Amino acid sequence: MTHPDNREPTVFTQDELGWLPWLEPYPADQLTERHLAGLVDAARAKSDYFRLLVRDPDVLQARTKTDKDIFYNPEGGLPRAERELAATATSRLNGCIYCASVHSRFATVHSKRGDDVQRLLDEGVGADLGERWNAIVAASVALTETPGSFGADHVRRLRAAGLDDAAVADVIQGAAFFNWANRLMLSLGEPQVQA
């Protein structure tokens, strides 16, 4: 599938964007119970992206449960805003405008620091967001650029910024998950400015 008339966004934004697939999504009217179980949330059947991934419902189910555990689990660890910050920083570095728009909105809603989130989008991962957020962004960047470059210095910096072991694990998991998610989004379709 091609979208020659698509107006792709050219800057990172907190605006809601659309996404257009390059492959034909699985037809919504042909989803079986197994597919719906793979989606975890039946509302995802409306998404072209999830209907592409549902071609392997078992992997999608595991992916979705992992996503929900990383970002929605209230049992300790990072506050939701900072989990979203890790996803935003990773998406910004990877150039995934779509994912950055989604997770920057969540980071703003949960942190009430919309100006700082926008600074990250505008200036990139080198933006000064205060030491705690800078440490989270630096760790996410290291994991994104070359996972092996993430190390003890990043952990020490995160701990010095007030993160405990569960919170450090959340940074790692949020960045790692979005390295994978960005690559799927970037290789399966393109973002679209909503009319």
Foldseek 3Di string as FASTA:
>chain_A
DDDVPFDFDDFADLDAWAWDFPDAFADLVPQDPLLCLLCVDNVCSVHSLSSNVSVPSVVSNVLVVLVCCLQPPPPDADQNLLLLLLLLLLCLVVVQSNSNNVSLNVNCVRVVPNVLSVQCRVVHLVDDNDQQSNLLSVQLVCCNVPNVSRDDVSVVSNVVSPGDPRHVVSSNSSSVSSSVVSVSRVVTTGIGHDD
